[in-house]
Amino acid sequence: MNSENLIKELNFKAIRSSGAGGQHVNKVSSKIVLFFDITNSQILSEEQKEILISNIKTRLTSENVLIINCDENRSQHKNKEVAIDRFLQIISNGLKVRKQRKKTKPSKSSIKKRLEKKRKVALKKAYRKKPNLE
């Protein structure tokens, strides 16, 4: 996967940033919004698209578009660089195949500790009850 080709598929939008800054913030569009449509990407294979969509689905819109906002700096160019760096980081992490967890049985000592603790809690609650005087 070539990052330069991926960057060519990105869409950027410059909008006015929020927060303090007075006149500068009100007249300069320094905030960058980055858009990347995974489903219409020409560089990613179908397999990579499926892996990406499943791994970063919480960051995607309903149309599988990744949106990244950046308004950390006062400069539009620096914000664009930061947004691209974030994008490349998200994509590289999203394409990693995670190892599946091996199922293991709990050890005998952990089972014993759990049952002992359970017994103690039950006893403690039994002592709280009023005694049966019949």
Foldseek 3Di string as FASTA:
>chain_A
DDLVLQVVQKDKDFAQDDDDDPPLSVPDRQKIKIKHQLVPDPPDDPVLSVLLCVQPVVQADPRRMHIDIFDPDSHNVVRVVVRSVVVVVSSVVSSDDDDDDDDDDDDPVVVVVVVVVVVVVVVVVVVPDDDDPD
